[in-house]
């Protein structure tokens, strides 16, 4: 499976696990806690598979950057946590940083 597909699965699994963290209420609720553990387990396995074909710096930048944006969107929809202007600007800078790494860095795997 191509590295970017492994990475996409890792990101989705991490977002699912992180989204369930709040519902787990400090790991005091069984099912949300199991979703957290499963989500992070799948995420880290897929992340490790990604690292077989891509540089760790690029992988982590994409994984964390896309994950932050997706978690913010999930928080808006599920928890009504609307980011303010500073948060939106910060997210924009993160996305810009990931784009610069992917478009201009010589570290990028092709």
C-alpha atoms as a PDB file:
ATOM      1  CA  UNK A   1       0.000   0.000   0.000  1.00  0.00           C
ATOM      2  CA  UNK A   2       1.408   3.450  -0.851  1.00  0.00           C
ATOM      3  CA  UNK A   3       2.768   5.615   1.959  1.00  0.00           C
ATOM      4  CA  UNK A   4       0.167   8.335   1.555  1.00  0.00           C
ATOM      5  CA  UNK A   5      -2.672   5.812   1.896  1.00  0.00           C
ATOM      6  CA  UNK A   6      -1.155   4.441   5.125  1.00  0.00           C
ATOM      7  CA  UNK A   7      -0.812   8.045   6.303  1.00  0.00           C
ATOM      8  CA  UNK A   8      -4.430   8.887   5.479  1.00  0.00           C
ATOM      9  CA  UNK A   9      -5.642   5.865   7.457  1.00  0.00           C
ATOM     10  CA  UNK A  10      -3.355   6.848  10.361  1.00  0.00           C
ATOM     11  CA  UNK A  11      -4.780  10.372  10.373  1.00  0.00           C
ATOM     12  CA  UNK A  12      -8.403   9.208  10.330  1.00  0.00           C
ATOM     13  CA  UNK A  13      -7.743   6.661  13.100  1.00  0.00           C
ATOM     14  CA  UNK A  14      -5.984   9.297  15.223  1.00  0.00           C
ATOM     15  CA  UNK A  15      -8.877  11.735  14.759  1.00  0.00           C
ATOM     16  CA  UNK A  16     -11.349   9.031  15.798  1.00  0.00           C
ATOM     17  CA  UNK A  17      -9.262   8.157  18.859  1.00  0.00           C
ATOM     18  CA  UNK A  18      -8.790  11.776  19.866  1.00  0.00           C
ATOM     19  CA  UNK A  19     -12.473  12.543  19.351  1.00  0.00           C
ATOM     20  CA  UNK A  20     -13.379   9.679  21.687  1.00  0.00           C
ATOM     21  CA  UNK A  21     -11.060  10.998  24.425  1.00  0.00           C
ATOM     22  CA  UNK A  22     -13.600  13.540  25.587  1.00  0.00           C
ATOM     23  CA  UNK A  23     -16.396  10.970  25.572  1.00  0.00           C
ATOM     24  CA  UNK A  24     -14.242   8.574  27.621  1.00  0.00           C
ATOM     25  CA  UNK A  25     -14.420  11.029  30.558  1.00  0.00           C
ATOM     26  CA  UNK A  26     -10.895  10.300  31.754  1.00  0.00           C
ATOM     27  CA  UNK A  27     -11.098   6.648  30.705  1.00  0.00           C
ATOM     28  CA  UNK A  28     -13.983   6.101  33.118  1.00  0.00           C
ATOM     29  CA  UNK A  29     -16.386   4.958  30.361  1.00  0.00           C
ATOM     30  CA  UNK A  30     -15.599   1.603  28.753  1.00  0.00           C
ATOM     31  CA  UNK A  31     -16.720   1.921  25.124  1.00  0.00           C
ATOM     32  CA  UNK A  32     -15.310   5.368  24.381  1.00  0.00           C
ATOM     33  CA  UNK A  33     -12.080   4.282  26.126  1.00  0.00           C
ATOM     34  CA  UNK A  34     -11.858   1.232  23.876  1.00  0.00           C
ATOM     35  CA  UNK A  35     -12.376   3.479  20.830  1.00  0.00           C
ATOM     36  CA  UNK A  36      -9.482   5.665  22.028  1.00  0.00           C
ATOM     37  CA  UNK A  37      -7.138   2.686  22.442  1.00  0.00           C
ATOM     38  CA  UNK A  38      -8.175   1.116  19.126  1.00  0.00           C
ATOM     39  CA  UNK A  39      -7.943   4.434  17.283  1.00  0.00           C
ATOM     40  CA  UNK A  40      -4.447   5.159  18.547  1.00  0.00           C
ATOM     41  CA  UNK A  41      -3.358   1.560  17.985  1.00  0.00           C
ATOM     42  CA  UNK A  42      -4.426   1.664  14.348  1.00  0.00           C
ATOM     43  CA  UNK A  43      -2.985   5.163  13.948  1.00  0.00           C
ATOM     44  CA  UNK A  44       0.463   4.249  15.217  1.00  0.00           C
ATOM     45  CA  UNK A  45       0.575   0.992  13.261  1.00  0.00           C
ATOM     46  CA  UNK A  46      -0.314   2.799  10.038  1.00  0.00           C
ATOM     47  CA  UNK A  47       2.098   5.599  10.874  1.00  0.00           C
ATOM     48  CA  UNK A  48       4.878   3.038  11.269  1.00  0.00           C
ATOM     49  CA  UNK A  49       4.007   1.558   7.876  1.00  0.00           C
ATOM     50  CA  UNK A  50       4.134   5.037   6.346  1.00  0.00           C
ATOM     51  CA  UNK A  51       7.652   5.528   7.671  1.00  0.00           C
ATOM     52  CA  UNK A  52       8.893   2.631   5.542  1.00  0.00           C
ATOM     53  CA  UNK A  53       8.613   4.787   2.430  1.00  0.00           C
ATOM     54  CA  UNK A  54       8.548   8.414   3.593  1.00  0.00           C
ATOM     55  CA  UNK A  55      10.806  10.622   5.734  1.00  0.00           C
ATOM     56  CA  UNK A  56       9.734  11.006   9.363  1.00  0.00           C
ATOM     57  CA  UNK A  57       9.785  14.822   9.259  1.00  0.00           C
ATOM     58  CA  UNK A  58       7.395  15.000   6.334  1.00  0.00           C
ATOM     59  CA  UNK A  59       5.145  12.256   7.720  1.00  0.00           C
ATOM     60  CA  UNK A  60       4.874  13.871  11.128  1.00  0.00           C
ATOM     61  CA  UNK A  61       4.232  17.320   9.687  1.00  0.00           C
ATOM     62  CA  UNK A  62       1.380  16.022   7.548  1.00  0.00           C
ATOM     63  CA  UNK A  63       0.003  13.758  10.271  1.00  0.00           C
ATOM     64  CA  UNK A  64      -0.046  16.432  12.944  1.00  0.00           C
ATOM     65  CA  UNK A  65      -1.103  19.289  10.652  1.00  0.00           C
ATOM     66  CA  UNK A  66      -4.009  17.500   9.018  1.00  0.00           C
ATOM     67  CA  UNK A  67      -4.939  15.930  12.351  1.00  0.00           C
ATOM     68  CA  UNK A  68      -5.121  19.324  14.074  1.00  0.00           C
ATOM     69  CA  UNK A  69      -7.377  20.732  11.368  1.00  0.00           C
ATOM     70  CA  UNK A  70      -9.655  17.671  11.357  1.00  0.00           C
ATOM     71  CA  UNK A  71      -9.893  17.589  15.154  1.00  0.00           C
ATOM     72  CA  UNK A  72     -10.839  21.259  15.114  1.00  0.00           C
ATOM     73  CA  UNK A  73     -13.614  20.507  12.618  1.00  0.00           C
ATOM     74  CA  UNK A  74     -14.830  17.586  14.737  1.00  0.00           C
ATOM     75  CA  UNK A  75     -14.807  19.820  17.839  1.00  0.00           C
ATOM     76  CA  UNK A  76     -16.900  22.404  16.001  1.00  0.00           C
ATOM     77  CA  UNK A  77     -19.481  19.819  14.910  1.00  0.00           C
ATOM     78  CA  UNK A  78     -19.642  17.535  17.963  1.00  0.00           C
ATOM     79  CA  UNK A  79     -18.786  19.831  20.855  1.00  0.00           C
ATOM     80  CA  UNK A  80     -19.721  23.271  19.492  1.00  0.00           C
ATOM     81  CA  UNK A  81     -16.175  24.521  20.196  1.00  0.00           C
ATOM     82  CA  UNK A  82     -15.898  27.306  17.647  1.00  0.00           C
ATOM     83  CA  UNK A  83     -12.346  28.608  17.149  1.00  0.00           C
ATOM     84  CA  UNK A  84     -11.739  32.331  17.401  1.00  0.00           C
ATOM     85  CA  UNK A  85      -9.821  34.395  14.847  1.00  0.00           C
ATOM     86  CA  UNK A  86      -6.443  33.690  16.466  1.00  0.00           C
ATOM     87  CA  UNK A  87      -7.107  29.932  16.365  1.00  0.00           C
ATOM     88  CA  UNK A  88      -8.112  30.098  12.704  1.00  0.00           C
ATOM     89  CA  UNK A  89      -4.958  32.106  11.919  1.00  0.00           C
ATOM     90  CA  UNK A  90      -2.829  29.563  13.792  1.00  0.00           C
ATOM     91  CA  UNK A  91      -4.436  26.696  11.913  1.00  0.00           C
ATOM     92  CA  UNK A  92      -3.773  28.538   8.663  1.00  0.00           C
ATOM     93  CA  UNK A  93      -0.104  28.876   9.580  1.00  0.00           C
ATOM     94  CA  UNK A  94       0.107  25.156  10.357  1.00  0.00           C
ATOM     95  CA  UNK A  95      -1.456  24.291   7.000  1.00  0.00           C
ATOM     96  CA  UNK A  96       0.904  26.720   5.259  1.00  0.00           C
ATOM     97  CA  UNK A  97       3.887  25.119   7.010  1.00  0.00           C
ATOM     98  CA  UNK A  98       2.862  21.634   5.925  1.00  0.00           C
ATOM     99  CA  UNK A  99       2.343  22.894   2.365  1.00  0.00           C
ATOM    100  CA  UNK A 100       5.797  24.503   2.300  1.00  0.00           C
ATOM    101  CA  UNK A 101       7.385  21.273   3.529  1.00  0.00           C
ATOM    102  CA  UNK A 102       5.613  19.236   0.865  1.00  0.00           C
ATOM    103  CA  UNK A 103       6.079  21.630  -2.017  1.00  0.00           C
ATOM    104  CA  UNK A 104       9.576  22.980  -1.463  1.00  0.00           C
ATOM    105  CA  UNK A 105      11.523  20.710   0.870  1.00  0.00           C
ATOM    106  CA  UNK A 106      14.121  18.384  -0.592  1.00  0.00           C
ATOM    107  CA  UNK A 107      13.206  15.888   2.198  1.00  0.00           C
ATOM    108  CA  UNK A 108      10.012  14.960   0.411  1.00  0.00           C
ATOM    109  CA  UNK A 109       9.770  11.361  -0.750  1.00  0.00           C
ATOM    110  CA  UNK A 110       8.726  10.783  -4.347  1.00  0.00           C
END
